[in-house]
Amino acid sequence: MSRIFKVNENIEIVCDSIGTGYGFRHDARLFVNGYEKEKAKCCYYNRTWERFTFESVVLKLLEQTDLLTEAEKEQFKTTLQLRG
């Protein structure tokens, strides 16, 4: 399963869910003008209780990146109604 979140016209976050031998993981990759610049992952050993799929990994990616301004991060969180 994949999902793309548009931050703005030049920046997007692409998320994937990948099965593993121990459970599953969510990967998030930040693209700027089509080039991958950052990535984050969250591993799960059983079920997850996220408000929506990929919430935790998107928040992790936003926290670690310095490619977005704080205002852009907050706007994106508000748009997606993220808890972080």
PDB file of N, CA and C in Angstrom:
ATOM      1  N   MET A   1       0.843  -1.168   0.000  1.00  0.00           N
ATOM      2  CA  MET A   1       0.000   0.000   0.000  1.00  0.00           C
ATOM      3  C   MET A   1       0.893   1.237   0.000  1.00  0.00           C
ATOM      4  N   SER A   2       0.556   2.207  -0.817  1.00  0.00           N
ATOM      5  CA  SER A   2       1.304   3.460  -0.904  1.00  0.00           C
ATOM      6  C   SER A   2       0.344   4.632  -0.810  1.00  0.00           C
ATOM      7  N   ARG A   3       0.901   5.778  -0.391  1.00  0.00           N
ATOM      8  CA  ARG A   3       0.116   7.003  -0.347  1.00  0.00           C
ATOM      9  C   ARG A   3       1.055   8.183  -0.539  1.00  0.00           C
ATOM     10  N   ILE A   4       0.583   9.194  -1.259  1.00  0.00           N
ATOM     11  CA  ILE A   4       1.373  10.402  -1.507  1.00  0.00           C
ATOM     12  C   ILE A   4       0.672  11.585  -0.853  1.00  0.00           C
ATOM     13  N   PHE A   5       1.444  12.347  -0.069  1.00  0.00           N
ATOM     14  CA  PHE A   5       0.961  13.560   0.573  1.00  0.00           C
ATOM     15  C   PHE A   5       1.683  14.744  -0.062  1.00  0.00           C
ATOM     16  N   LYS A   6       0.936  15.673  -0.631  1.00  0.00           N
ATOM     17  CA  LYS A   6       1.531  16.867  -1.238  1.00  0.00           C
ATOM     18  C   LYS A   6       1.701  17.927  -0.155  1.00  0.00           C
ATOM     19  N   VAL A   7       2.943  18.377   0.063  1.00  0.00           N
ATOM     20  CA  VAL A   7       3.216  19.468   0.996  1.00  0.00           C
ATOM     21  C   VAL A   7       2.949  20.792   0.287  1.00  0.00           C
ATOM     22  N   ASN A   8       3.478  20.924  -0.917  1.00  0.00           N
ATOM     23  CA  ASN A   8       3.212  22.068  -1.789  1.00  0.00           C
ATOM     24  C   ASN A   8       3.493  21.620  -3.222  1.00  0.00           C
ATOM     25  N   GLU A   9       3.555  22.552  -4.159  1.00  0.00           N
ATOM     26  CA  GLU A   9       3.718  22.152  -5.562  1.00  0.00           C
ATOM     27  C   GLU A   9       5.067  21.511  -5.865  1.00  0.00           C
ATOM     28  N   ASN A  10       6.067  21.712  -5.015  1.00  0.00           N
ATOM     29  CA  ASN A  10       7.409  21.161  -5.253  1.00  0.00           C
ATOM     30  C   ASN A  10       7.784  20.018  -4.323  1.00  0.00           C
ATOM     31  N   ILE A  11       7.047  19.859  -3.237  1.00  0.00           N
ATOM     32  CA  ILE A  11       7.440  18.907  -2.199  1.00  0.00           C
ATOM     33  C   ILE A  11       6.307  17.924  -1.925  1.00  0.00           C
ATOM     34  N   GLU A  12       6.676  16.630  -1.851  1.00  0.00           N
ATOM     35  CA  GLU A  12       5.699  15.607  -1.507  1.00  0.00           C
ATOM     36  C   GLU A  12       6.347  14.549  -0.630  1.00  0.00           C
ATOM     37  N   ILE A  13       5.508  13.872   0.138  1.00  0.00           N
ATOM     38  CA  ILE A  13       5.944  12.772   0.983  1.00  0.00           C
ATOM     39  C   ILE A  13       5.274  11.509   0.456  1.00  0.00           C
ATOM     40  N   VAL A  14       6.092  10.515   0.117  1.00  0.00           N
ATOM     41  CA  VAL A  14       5.597   9.246  -0.404  1.00  0.00           C
ATOM     42  C   VAL A  14       5.767   8.200   0.688  1.00  0.00           C
ATOM     43  N   CYS A  15       4.668   7.547   1.049  1.00  0.00           N
ATOM     44  CA  CYS A  15       4.685   6.547   2.122  1.00  0.00           C
ATOM     45  C   CYS A  15       4.354   5.168   1.562  1.00  0.00           C
ATOM     46  N   ASP A  16       5.014   4.160   2.116  1.00  0.00           N
ATOM     47  CA  ASP A  16       4.784   2.774   1.732  1.00  0.00           C
ATOM     48  C   ASP A  16       4.663   1.913   2.974  1.00  0.00           C
ATOM     49  N   SER A  17       3.834   0.878   2.884  1.00  0.00           N
ATOM     50  CA  SER A  17       3.709  -0.124   3.936  1.00  0.00           C
ATOM     51  C   SER A  17       4.348  -1.403   3.409  1.00  0.00           C
ATOM     52  N   ILE A  18       5.271  -1.958   4.194  1.00  0.00           N
ATOM     53  CA  ILE A  18       6.045  -3.116   3.746  1.00  0.00           C
ATOM     54  C   ILE A  18       5.952  -4.220   4.789  1.00  0.00           C
ATOM     55  N   GLY A  19       5.567  -5.413   4.359  1.00  0.00           N
ATOM     56  CA  GLY A  19       5.531  -6.563   5.254  1.00  0.00           C
ATOM     57  C   GLY A  19       6.938  -7.038   5.565  1.00  0.00           C
ATOM     58  N   THR A  20       7.154  -7.463   6.802  1.00  0.00           N
ATOM     59  CA  THR A  20       8.456  -7.989   7.221  1.00  0.00           C
ATOM     60  C   THR A  20       8.244  -9.334   7.907  1.00  0.00           C
ATOM     61  N   GLY A  21       9.319  -9.987   8.252  1.00  0.00           N
ATOM     62  CA  GLY A  21       9.217 -11.271   8.932  1.00  0.00           C
ATOM     63  C   GLY A  21       8.686 -11.158  10.351  1.00  0.00           C
ATOM     64  N   TYR A  22       8.740  -9.987  10.930  1.00  0.00           N
ATOM     65  CA  TYR A  22       8.321  -9.770  12.318  1.00  0.00           C
ATOM     66  C   TYR A  22       7.040  -8.948  12.442  1.00  0.00           C
ATOM     67  N   GLY A  23       6.523  -8.417  11.357  1.00  0.00           N
ATOM     68  CA  GLY A  23       5.330  -7.571  11.395  1.00  0.00           C
ATOM     69  C   GLY A  23       5.251  -6.753  10.120  1.00  0.00           C
ATOM     70  N   PHE A  24       5.386  -5.435  10.243  1.00  0.00           N
ATOM     71  CA  PHE A  24       5.410  -4.576   9.062  1.00  0.00           C
ATOM     72  C   PHE A  24       6.102  -3.268   9.413  1.00  0.00           C
ATOM     73  N   ARG A  25       6.408  -2.492   8.390  1.00  0.00           N
ATOM     74  CA  ARG A  25       7.003  -1.182   8.620  1.00  0.00           C
ATOM     75  C   ARG A  25       6.406  -0.176   7.659  1.00  0.00           C
ATOM     76  N   HIS A  26       6.441   1.072   8.083  1.00  0.00           N
ATOM     77  CA  HIS A  26       6.030   2.174   7.226  1.00  0.00           C
ATOM     78  C   HIS A  26       7.261   2.993   6.894  1.00  0.00           C
ATOM     79  N   ASP A  27       7.456   3.249   5.618  1.00  0.00           N
ATOM     80  CA  ASP A  27       8.547   4.096   5.138  1.00  0.00           C
ATOM     81  C   ASP A  27       7.951   5.387   4.603  1.00  0.00           C
ATOM     82  N   ALA A  28       8.624   6.502   4.857  1.00  0.00           N
ATOM     83  CA  ALA A  28       8.227   7.802   4.301  1.00  0.00           C
ATOM     84  C   ALA A  28       9.455   8.420   3.655  1.00  0.00           C
ATOM     85  N   ARG A  29       9.274   8.929   2.440  1.00  0.00           N
ATOM     86  CA  ARG A  29      10.367   9.583   1.717  1.00  0.00           C
ATOM     87  C   ARG A  29       9.918  10.970   1.301  1.00  0.00           C
ATOM     88  N   LEU A  30      10.763  11.960   1.563  1.00  0.00           N
ATOM     89  CA  LEU A  30      10.482  13.347   1.215  1.00  0.00           C
ATOM     90  C   LEU A  30      11.147  13.664  -0.111  1.00  0.00           C
ATOM     91  N   PHE A  31      10.351  14.091  -1.089  1.00  0.00           N
ATOM     92  CA  PHE A  31      10.856  14.446  -2.409  1.00  0.00           C
ATOM     93  C   PHE A  31      10.733  15.948  -2.623  1.00  0.00           C
ATOM     94  N   VAL A  32      11.794  16.552  -3.126  1.00  0.00           N
ATOM     95  CA  VAL A  32      11.789  17.958  -3.515  1.00  0.00           C
ATOM     96  C   VAL A  32      12.075  17.996  -5.014  1.00  0.00           C
ATOM     97  N   ASN A  33      11.127  18.518  -5.767  1.00  0.00           N
ATOM     98  CA  ASN A  33      11.245  18.580  -7.227  1.00  0.00           C
ATOM     99  C   ASN A  33      11.592  17.222  -7.838  1.00  0.00           C
ATOM    100  N   GLY A  34      11.000  16.165  -7.288  1.00  0.00           N
ATOM    101  CA  GLY A  34      11.191  14.827  -7.830  1.00  0.00           C
ATOM    102  C   GLY A  34      12.420  14.084  -7.329  1.00  0.00           C
ATOM    103  N   TYR A  35      13.230  14.722  -6.485  1.00  0.00           N
ATOM    104  CA  TYR A  35      14.441  14.086  -5.957  1.00  0.00           C
ATOM    105  C   TYR A  35      14.260  13.735  -4.484  1.00  0.00           C
ATOM    106  N   GLU A  36      14.586  12.494  -4.140  1.00  0.00           N
ATOM    107  CA  GLU A  36      14.473  12.068  -2.746  1.00  0.00           C
ATOM    108  C   GLU A  36      15.538  12.773  -1.912  1.00  0.00           C
ATOM    109  N   LYS A  37      15.109  13.406  -0.823  1.00  0.00           N
ATOM    110  CA  LYS A  37      16.020  14.174   0.023  1.00  0.00           C
ATOM    111  C   LYS A  37      16.129  13.623   1.441  1.00  0.00           C
ATOM    112  N   GLU A  38      15.063  13.048   1.969  1.00  0.00           N
ATOM    113  CA  GLU A  38      15.046  12.532   3.341  1.00  0.00           C
ATOM    114  C   GLU A  38      14.187  11.275   3.375  1.00  0.00           C
ATOM    115  N   LYS A  39      14.401  10.455   4.413  1.00  0.00           N
ATOM    116  CA  LYS A  39      13.523   9.310   4.620  1.00  0.00           C
ATOM    117  C   LYS A  39      13.455   8.962   6.093  1.00  0.00           C
ATOM    118  N   ALA A  40      12.372   8.283   6.457  1.00  0.00           N
ATOM    119  CA  ALA A  40      12.162   7.837   7.835  1.00  0.00           C
ATOM    120  C   ALA A  40      11.404   6.517   7.778  1.00  0.00           C
ATOM    121  N   LYS A  41      11.482   5.748   8.867  1.00  0.00           N
ATOM    122  CA  LYS A  41      10.722   4.500   8.931  1.00  0.00           C
ATOM    123  C   LYS A  41      10.265   4.256  10.362  1.00  0.00           C
ATOM    124  N   CYS A  42       9.160   3.543  10.477  1.00  0.00           N
ATOM    125  CA  CYS A  42       8.622   3.093  11.760  1.00  0.00           C
ATOM    126  C   CYS A  42       8.314   1.610  11.606  1.00  0.00           C
ATOM    127  N   CYS A  43       8.788   0.813  12.556  1.00  0.00           N
ATOM    128  CA  CYS A  43       8.559  -0.628  12.523  1.00  0.00           C
ATOM    129  C   CYS A  43       7.487  -1.006  13.536  1.00  0.00           C
ATOM    130  N   TYR A  44       6.647  -1.946  13.145  1.00  0.00           N
ATOM    131  CA  TYR A  44       5.546  -2.400  14.000  1.00  0.00           C
ATOM    132  C   TYR A  44       5.616  -3.919  14.125  1.00  0.00           C
ATOM    133  N   TYR A  45       5.432  -4.398  15.337  1.00  0.00           N
ATOM    134  CA  TYR A  45       5.481  -5.831  15.588  1.00  0.00           C
ATOM    135  C   TYR A  45       4.093  -6.435  15.695  1.00  0.00           C
ATOM    136  N   ASN A  46       3.102  -5.587  15.789  1.00  0.00           N
ATOM    137  CA  ASN A  46       1.713  -6.034  15.761  1.00  0.00           C
ATOM    138  C   ASN A  46       0.871  -4.883  15.237  1.00  0.00           C
ATOM    139  N   ARG A  47      -0.316  -4.711  15.721  1.00  0.00           N
ATOM    140  CA  ARG A  47      -1.214  -3.680  15.193  1.00  0.00           C
ATOM    141  C   ARG A  47      -0.783  -2.282  15.598  1.00  0.00           C
ATOM    142  N   THR A  48      -1.258  -1.300  14.856  1.00  0.00           N
ATOM    143  CA  THR A  48      -0.992   0.103  15.156  1.00  0.00           C
ATOM    144  C   THR A  48      -2.312   0.829  15.357  1.00  0.00           C
ATOM    145  N   TRP A  49      -2.291   1.815  16.220  1.00  0.00           N
ATOM    146  CA  TRP A  49      -3.503   2.563  16.534  1.00  0.00           C
ATOM    147  C   TRP A  49      -3.373   4.010  16.077  1.00  0.00           C
ATOM    148  N   GLU A  50      -2.938   4.212  14.888  1.00  0.00           N
ATOM    149  CA  GLU A  50      -2.796   5.551  14.348  1.00  0.00           C
ATOM    150  C   GLU A  50      -4.170   6.076  13.918  1.00  0.00           C
ATOM    151  N   ARG A  51      -4.306   7.391  13.966  1.00  0.00           N
ATOM    152  CA  ARG A  51      -5.548   8.015  13.509  1.00  0.00           C
ATOM    153  C   ARG A  51      -5.756   7.718  12.030  1.00  0.00           C
ATOM    154  N   PHE A  52      -4.703   7.763  11.253  1.00  0.00           N
ATOM    155  CA  PHE A  52      -4.758   7.330   9.865  1.00  0.00           C
ATOM    156  C   PHE A  52      -3.438   6.649   9.535  1.00  0.00           C
ATOM    157  N   THR A  53      -3.442   5.805   8.529  1.00  0.00           N
ATOM    158  CA  THR A  53      -2.243   5.071   8.141  1.00  0.00           C
ATOM    159  C   THR A  53      -1.137   6.049   7.770  1.00  0.00           C
ATOM    160  N   PHE A  54       0.048   5.802   8.266  1.00  0.00           N
ATOM    161  CA  PHE A  54       1.275   6.567   8.019  1.00  0.00           C
ATOM    162  C   PHE A  54       1.423   7.801   8.914  1.00  0.00           C
ATOM    163  N   GLU A  55       0.525   8.028   9.854  1.00  0.00           N
ATOM    164  CA  GLU A  55       0.622   9.207  10.718  1.00  0.00           C
ATOM    165  C   GLU A  55       1.959   9.280  11.450  1.00  0.00           C
ATOM    166  N   SER A  56       2.374   8.210  12.098  1.00  0.00           N
ATOM    167  CA  SER A  56       3.605   8.218  12.897  1.00  0.00           C
ATOM    168  C   SER A  56       4.847   8.458  12.049  1.00  0.00           C
ATOM    169  N   VAL A  57       4.934   7.803  10.909  1.00  0.00           N
ATOM    170  CA  VAL A  57       6.134   7.947  10.082  1.00  0.00           C
ATOM    171  C   VAL A  57       6.202   9.332   9.428  1.00  0.00           C
ATOM    172  N   VAL A  58       5.058   9.914   9.076  1.00  0.00           N
ATOM    173  CA  VAL A  58       5.053  11.270   8.525  1.00  0.00           C
ATOM    174  C   VAL A  58       5.504  12.260   9.590  1.00  0.00           C
ATOM    175  N   LEU A  59       4.999  12.104  10.820  1.00  0.00           N
ATOM    176  CA  LEU A  59       5.432  12.991  11.911  1.00  0.00           C
ATOM    177  C   LEU A  59       6.929  12.871  12.163  1.00  0.00           C
ATOM    178  N   LYS A  60       7.440  11.647  12.148  1.00  0.00           N
ATOM    179  CA  LYS A  60       8.871  11.423  12.352  1.00  0.00           C
ATOM    180  C   LYS A  60       9.692  12.118  11.270  1.00  0.00           C
ATOM    181  N   LEU A  61       9.263  11.993  10.025  1.00  0.00           N
ATOM    182  CA  LEU A  61       9.960  12.633   8.914  1.00  0.00           C
ATOM    183  C   LEU A  61       9.928  14.157   9.057  1.00  0.00           C
ATOM    184  N   LEU A  62       8.791  14.711   9.412  1.00  0.00           N
ATOM    185  CA  LEU A  62       8.679  16.162   9.582  1.00  0.00           C
ATOM    186  C   LEU A  62       9.571  16.659  10.719  1.00  0.00           C
ATOM    187  N   GLU A  63       9.666  15.886  11.804  1.00  0.00           N
ATOM    188  CA  GLU A  63      10.504  16.282  12.934  1.00  0.00           C
ATOM    189  C   GLU A  63      11.983  16.307  12.575  1.00  0.00           C
ATOM    190  N   GLN A  64      12.432  15.384  11.738  1.00  0.00           N
ATOM    191  CA  GLN A  64      13.863  15.275  11.476  1.00  0.00           C
ATOM    192  C   GLN A  64      14.350  16.149  10.326  1.00  0.00           C
ATOM    193  N   THR A  65      13.449  16.591   9.448  1.00  0.00           N
ATOM    194  CA  THR A  65      13.910  17.335   8.285  1.00  0.00           C
ATOM    195  C   THR A  65      14.141  18.807   8.588  1.00  0.00           C
ATOM    196  N   ASP A  66      15.141  19.371   7.930  1.00  0.00           N
ATOM    197  CA  ASP A  66      15.344  20.818   7.993  1.00  0.00           C
ATOM    198  C   ASP A  66      15.164  21.425   6.598  1.00  0.00           C
ATOM    199  N   LEU A  67      14.572  20.643   5.689  1.00  0.00           N
ATOM    200  CA  LEU A  67      14.295  21.128   4.341  1.00  0.00           C
ATOM    201  C   LEU A  67      13.004  21.953   4.288  1.00  0.00           C
ATOM    202  N   LEU A  68      12.183  21.843   5.325  1.00  0.00           N
ATOM    203  CA  LEU A  68      10.947  22.609   5.416  1.00  0.00           C
ATOM    204  C   LEU A  68      11.062  23.608   6.556  1.00  0.00           C
ATOM    205  N   THR A  69      10.442  24.762   6.385  1.00  0.00           N
ATOM    206  CA  THR A  69      10.412  25.735   7.479  1.00  0.00           C
ATOM    207  C   THR A  69       9.428  25.238   8.538  1.00  0.00           C
ATOM    208  N   GLU A  70       9.535  25.794   9.720  1.00  0.00           N
ATOM    209  CA  GLU A  70       8.597  25.424  10.784  1.00  0.00           C
ATOM    210  C   GLU A  70       7.166  25.768  10.374  1.00  0.00           C
ATOM    211  N   ALA A  71       6.998  26.872   9.667  1.00  0.00           N
ATOM    212  CA  ALA A  71       5.664  27.269   9.204  1.00  0.00           C
ATOM    213  C   ALA A  71       5.102  26.243   8.212  1.00  0.00           C
ATOM    214  N   GLU A  72       5.940  25.745   7.296  1.00  0.00           N
ATOM    215  CA  GLU A  72       5.500  24.725   6.337  1.00  0.00           C
ATOM    216  C   GLU A  72       5.125  23.436   7.061  1.00  0.00           C
ATOM    217  N   LYS A  73       5.929  23.048   8.047  1.00  0.00           N
ATOM    218  CA  LYS A  73       5.626  21.841   8.822  1.00  0.00           C
ATOM    219  C   LYS A  73       4.293  21.977   9.543  1.00  0.00           C
ATOM    220  N   GLU A  74       4.074  23.111  10.192  1.00  0.00           N
ATOM    221  CA  GLU A  74       2.833  23.334  10.934  1.00  0.00           C
ATOM    222  C   GLU A  74       1.632  23.378  10.000  1.00  0.00           C
ATOM    223  N   GLN A  75       1.778  24.007   8.854  1.00  0.00           N
ATOM    224  CA  GLN A  75       0.688  24.057   7.877  1.00  0.00           C
ATOM    225  C   GLN A  75       0.337  22.657   7.395  1.00  0.00           C
ATOM    226  N   PHE A  76       1.352  21.847   7.122  1.00  0.00           N
ATOM    227  CA  PHE A  76       1.121  20.486   6.657  1.00  0.00           C
ATOM    228  C   PHE A  76       0.438  19.660   7.749  1.00  0.00           C
ATOM    229  N   LYS A  77       0.894  19.801   8.993  1.00  0.00           N
ATOM    230  CA  LYS A  77       0.269  19.085  10.110  1.00  0.00           C
ATOM    231  C   LYS A  77      -1.189  19.494  10.267  1.00  0.00           C
ATOM    232  N   THR A  78      -1.466  20.779  10.127  1.00  0.00           N
ATOM    233  CA  THR A  78      -2.842  21.266  10.245  1.00  0.00           C
ATOM    234  C   THR A  78      -3.705  20.717   9.124  1.00  0.00           C
ATOM    235  N   THR A  79      -3.185  20.716   7.908  1.00  0.00           N
ATOM    236  CA  THR A  79      -3.922  20.212   6.756  1.00  0.00           C
ATOM    237  C   THR A  79      -4.301  18.750   6.949  1.00  0.00           C
ATOM    238  N   LEU A  80      -3.382  17.950   7.470  1.00  0.00           N
ATOM    239  CA  LEU A  80      -3.632  16.521   7.682  1.00  0.00           C
ATOM    240  C   LEU A  80      -4.231  16.220   9.053  1.00  0.00           C
ATOM    241  N   GLN A  81      -4.385  17.240   9.885  1.00  0.00           N
ATOM    242  CA  GLN A  81      -4.881  17.085  11.246  1.00  0.00           C
ATOM    243  C   GLN A  81      -4.022  16.107  12.042  1.00  0.00           C
ATOM    244  N   LEU A  82      -2.705  16.294  11.956  1.00  0.00           N
ATOM    245  CA  LEU A  82      -1.775  15.444  12.690  1.00  0.00           C
ATOM    246  C   LEU A  82      -1.721  15.880  14.147  1.00  0.00           C
ATOM    247  N   ARG A  83      -1.504  14.955  15.032  1.00  0.00           N
ATOM    248  CA  ARG A  83      -1.499  15.224  16.466  1.00  0.00           C
ATOM    249  C   ARG A  83      -0.209  15.866  16.962  1.00  0.00           C
ATOM    250  N   GLY A  84       0.889  15.749  16.207  1.00  0.00           N
ATOM    251  CA  GLY A  84       2.186  16.224  16.669  1.00  0.00           C
ATOM    252  C   GLY A  84       2.349  17.636  16.429  1.00  0.00           C
TER     253      GLY A  84
END
